[in-house]
Amino acid sequence: MSVPSEGNTPYGPGWSHLGTLLTIPEVAAILNVSVPRVYELIRLRLLPAVHLGRQVRVKPDVLAEWLAQGGQQRPTGRD
């Protein structure tokens, strides 16, 4: 199986800007924390995530931004 070229994905041209979503085990490995800890960060709304039914994924660029901001950003209006 070959890797899609820039601008050409298995879903057709124009979808390459979406990138690949990370699974929770992948996020846990990147952060060097446990899988339950990642779910807790998401549940507390500290780590932004994408919910696809019962599945949860994290956008790599959002994870990088979250880390750059210190990893403790809460949504505005929350204690």
N, C-alpha and C. Protein backbone atom coordinates (compact mmCIF):
# COMPACT_ATOMS: atom_id res chain seq x y z
N MET A 1 0.84 -1.18 0.00
CA MET A 1 0.00 0.00 0.00
C MET A 1 0.88 1.23 0.00
N SER A 2 0.64 2.15 -0.90
CA SER A 2 1.47 3.35 -0.99
C SER A 2 0.88 4.48 -0.17
N VAL A 3 1.74 5.40 0.21
CA VAL A 3 1.33 6.59 0.95
C VAL A 3 0.77 7.60 -0.03
N PRO A 4 -0.41 8.19 0.28
CA PRO A 4 -0.99 9.18 -0.64
C PRO A 4 -0.08 10.39 -0.78
N SER A 5 -0.01 10.92 -1.98
CA SER A 5 0.79 12.12 -2.20
C SER A 5 0.06 13.34 -1.65
N GLU A 6 0.79 14.44 -1.48
CA GLU A 6 0.22 15.69 -0.96
C GLU A 6 -0.98 16.10 -1.80
N GLY A 7 -2.09 16.39 -1.13
CA GLY A 7 -3.28 16.81 -1.83
C GLY A 7 -4.10 15.66 -2.39
N ASN A 8 -3.62 14.44 -2.23
CA ASN A 8 -4.34 13.29 -2.75
C ASN A 8 -4.42 12.24 -1.64
N THR A 9 -5.61 12.03 -1.13
CA THR A 9 -5.81 11.06 -0.07
C THR A 9 -6.73 9.96 -0.57
N PRO A 10 -6.90 8.90 0.21
CA PRO A 10 -7.85 7.88 -0.21
C PRO A 10 -9.27 8.41 -0.37
N TYR A 11 -9.54 9.58 0.21
CA TYR A 11 -10.87 10.18 0.15
C TYR A 11 -10.99 11.17 -0.99
N GLY A 12 -9.95 11.31 -1.78
CA GLY A 12 -9.96 12.23 -2.91
C GLY A 12 -9.18 13.50 -2.59
N PRO A 13 -8.93 14.31 -3.61
CA PRO A 13 -8.18 15.54 -3.40
C PRO A 13 -8.96 16.50 -2.50
N GLY A 14 -8.22 17.31 -1.78
CA GLY A 14 -8.85 18.32 -0.94
C GLY A 14 -9.02 17.92 0.51
N TRP A 15 -8.70 16.69 0.86
CA TRP A 15 -8.85 16.25 2.24
C TRP A 15 -7.53 16.20 2.99
N SER A 16 -6.42 16.48 2.33
CA SER A 16 -5.11 16.33 2.96
C SER A 16 -4.91 17.29 4.13
N HIS A 17 -5.61 18.42 4.15
CA HIS A 17 -5.44 19.39 5.23
C HIS A 17 -5.98 18.86 6.56
N LEU A 18 -6.79 17.82 6.52
CA LEU A 18 -7.37 17.28 7.75
C LEU A 18 -6.36 16.47 8.55
N GLY A 19 -5.41 15.85 7.89
CA GLY A 19 -4.39 15.08 8.59
C GLY A 19 -4.95 13.81 9.18
N THR A 20 -4.15 13.15 9.98
CA THR A 20 -4.52 11.90 10.61
C THR A 20 -4.85 12.16 12.07
N LEU A 21 -5.89 11.55 12.55
CA LEU A 21 -6.26 11.68 13.95
C LEU A 21 -5.51 10.64 14.77
N LEU A 22 -5.08 11.02 15.97
CA LEU A 22 -4.35 10.12 16.85
C LEU A 22 -5.32 9.35 17.73
N THR A 23 -5.01 8.09 17.97
CA THR A 23 -5.80 7.29 18.91
C THR A 23 -5.36 7.64 20.32
N ILE A 24 -6.16 7.24 21.29
CA ILE A 24 -5.83 7.53 22.69
C ILE A 24 -4.53 6.82 23.11
N PRO A 25 -4.29 5.56 22.73
CA PRO A 25 -3.00 4.96 23.06
C PRO A 25 -1.81 5.70 22.44
N GLU A 26 -1.99 6.23 21.23
CA GLU A 26 -0.91 7.00 20.61
C GLU A 26 -0.65 8.29 21.38
N VAL A 27 -1.71 8.96 21.82
CA VAL A 27 -1.56 10.18 22.61
C VAL A 27 -0.87 9.86 23.93
N ALA A 28 -1.28 8.76 24.57
CA ALA A 28 -0.67 8.35 25.83
C ALA A 28 0.83 8.10 25.66
N ALA A 29 1.21 7.46 24.55
CA ALA A 29 2.63 7.20 24.29
C ALA A 29 3.39 8.51 24.08
N ILE A 30 2.80 9.44 23.34
CA ILE A 30 3.45 10.73 23.09
C ILE A 30 3.65 11.49 24.40
N LEU A 31 2.63 11.47 25.27
CA LEU A 31 2.70 12.21 26.53
C LEU A 31 3.40 11.43 27.64
N ASN A 32 3.68 10.14 27.38
CA ASN A 32 4.29 9.26 28.38
C ASN A 32 3.43 9.18 29.65
N VAL A 33 2.12 9.01 29.43
CA VAL A 33 1.17 8.82 30.52
C VAL A 33 0.31 7.61 30.18
N SER A 34 -0.53 7.21 31.12
CA SER A 34 -1.40 6.04 30.90
C SER A 34 -2.60 6.42 30.03
N VAL A 35 -3.19 5.41 29.43
CA VAL A 35 -4.39 5.61 28.63
C VAL A 35 -5.52 6.19 29.50
N PRO A 36 -5.77 5.65 30.71
CA PRO A 36 -6.82 6.26 31.54
C PRO A 36 -6.56 7.74 31.85
N ARG A 37 -5.30 8.12 31.98
CA ARG A 37 -4.99 9.54 32.24
C ARG A 37 -5.39 10.41 31.05
N VAL A 38 -5.18 9.93 29.83
CA VAL A 38 -5.58 10.69 28.64
C VAL A 38 -7.09 10.85 28.63
N TYR A 39 -7.82 9.76 28.92
CA TYR A 39 -9.28 9.86 28.97
C TYR A 39 -9.73 10.85 30.04
N GLU A 40 -9.02 10.87 31.17
CA GLU A 40 -9.35 11.82 32.23
C GLU A 40 -9.13 13.26 31.77
N LEU A 41 -8.01 13.52 31.10
CA LEU A 41 -7.74 14.87 30.59
C LEU A 41 -8.83 15.31 29.62
N ILE A 42 -9.31 14.38 28.81
CA ILE A 42 -10.38 14.70 27.86
C ILE A 42 -11.69 14.93 28.61
N ARG A 43 -11.99 14.07 29.57
CA ARG A 43 -13.22 14.20 30.35
C ARG A 43 -13.27 15.53 31.10
N LEU A 44 -12.12 15.96 31.62
CA LEU A 44 -12.03 17.24 32.33
C LEU A 44 -11.99 18.44 31.38
N ARG A 45 -12.02 18.15 30.08
CA ARG A 45 -11.95 19.17 29.04
C ARG A 45 -10.65 19.97 29.08
N LEU A 46 -9.60 19.31 29.55
CA LEU A 46 -8.27 19.91 29.52
C LEU A 46 -7.61 19.65 28.18
N LEU A 47 -7.89 18.50 27.60
CA LEU A 47 -7.32 18.12 26.31
C LEU A 47 -8.44 18.04 25.28
N PRO A 48 -8.43 18.88 24.25
CA PRO A 48 -9.47 18.83 23.23
C PRO A 48 -9.42 17.52 22.45
N ALA A 49 -10.59 16.99 22.14
CA ALA A 49 -10.67 15.72 21.42
C ALA A 49 -11.84 15.74 20.44
N VAL A 50 -11.79 14.79 19.52
CA VAL A 50 -12.84 14.59 18.55
C VAL A 50 -13.55 13.30 18.92
N HIS A 51 -14.86 13.35 19.07
CA HIS A 51 -15.65 12.17 19.41
C HIS A 51 -16.35 11.66 18.16
N LEU A 52 -16.09 10.41 17.83
CA LEU A 52 -16.70 9.75 16.68
C LEU A 52 -17.53 8.60 17.20
N GLY A 53 -18.75 8.90 17.59
CA GLY A 53 -19.55 7.88 18.27
C GLY A 53 -18.92 7.59 19.61
N ARG A 54 -18.58 6.32 19.82
CA ARG A 54 -17.92 5.94 21.08
C ARG A 54 -16.41 6.06 21.01
N GLN A 55 -15.89 6.30 19.82
CA GLN A 55 -14.45 6.43 19.66
C GLN A 55 -14.01 7.87 19.90
N VAL A 56 -12.81 8.01 20.41
CA VAL A 56 -12.25 9.33 20.71
C VAL A 56 -10.90 9.43 20.02
N ARG A 57 -10.67 10.55 19.38
CA ARG A 57 -9.40 10.80 18.69
C ARG A 57 -8.94 12.21 19.01
N VAL A 58 -7.64 12.47 18.78
CA VAL A 58 -7.05 13.79 19.02
C VAL A 58 -6.34 14.23 17.75
N LYS A 59 -6.55 15.47 17.36
CA LYS A 59 -5.86 16.01 16.20
C LYS A 59 -4.41 16.31 16.58
N PRO A 60 -3.44 15.88 15.78
CA PRO A 60 -2.03 16.10 16.12
C PRO A 60 -1.68 17.57 16.29
N ASP A 61 -2.22 18.45 15.43
CA ASP A 61 -1.89 19.87 15.56
C ASP A 61 -2.50 20.47 16.82
N VAL A 62 -3.67 19.98 17.23
CA VAL A 62 -4.29 20.46 18.47
C VAL A 62 -3.47 19.98 19.67
N LEU A 63 -2.99 18.74 19.62
CA LEU A 63 -2.14 18.23 20.70
C LEU A 63 -0.86 19.05 20.81
N ALA A 64 -0.23 19.37 19.68
CA ALA A 64 0.99 20.16 19.69
C ALA A 64 0.74 21.55 20.27
N GLU A 65 -0.37 22.17 19.89
CA GLU A 65 -0.71 23.50 20.42
C GLU A 65 -1.00 23.43 21.91
N TRP A 66 -1.71 22.38 22.33
CA TRP A 66 -2.04 22.19 23.74
C TRP A 66 -0.75 22.06 24.57
N LEU A 67 0.21 21.29 24.03
CA LEU A 67 1.50 21.14 24.72
C LEU A 67 2.26 22.45 24.76
N ALA A 68 2.24 23.21 23.66
CA ALA A 68 2.94 24.50 23.59
C ALA A 68 2.36 25.49 24.60
N GLN A 69 1.08 25.33 24.92
CA GLN A 69 0.43 26.23 25.88
C GLN A 69 0.56 25.72 27.31
N GLY A 70 1.33 24.69 27.51
CA GLY A 70 1.58 24.19 28.85
C GLY A 70 0.71 23.01 29.25
N GLY A 71 -0.22 22.62 28.42
CA GLY A 71 -1.04 21.45 28.70
C GLY A 71 -2.10 21.62 29.76
N GLN A 72 -2.35 22.83 30.21
CA GLN A 72 -3.33 23.04 31.28
C GLN A 72 -4.44 24.01 30.88
N GLN A 73 -4.63 24.19 29.60
CA GLN A 73 -5.65 25.15 29.15
C GLN A 73 -7.04 24.60 29.38
N ARG A 74 -7.86 25.37 30.08
CA ARG A 74 -9.26 25.04 30.25
C ARG A 74 -10.09 25.92 29.34
N PRO A 75 -11.22 25.45 28.91
CA PRO A 75 -12.08 26.31 28.11
C PRO A 75 -12.49 27.55 28.90
N THR A 76 -12.69 28.64 28.22
CA THR A 76 -13.10 29.87 28.89
C THR A 76 -14.46 29.67 29.55
N GLY A 77 -14.64 30.35 30.68
CA GLY A 77 -15.91 30.27 31.38
C GLY A 77 -16.03 29.09 32.33
N ARG A 78 -14.96 28.33 32.49
CA ARG A 78 -14.97 27.19 33.42
C ARG A 78 -14.02 27.47 34.56
N ASP A 79 -14.33 26.90 35.73
CA ASP A 79 -13.45 27.05 36.89
C ASP A 79 -12.32 26.06 36.84
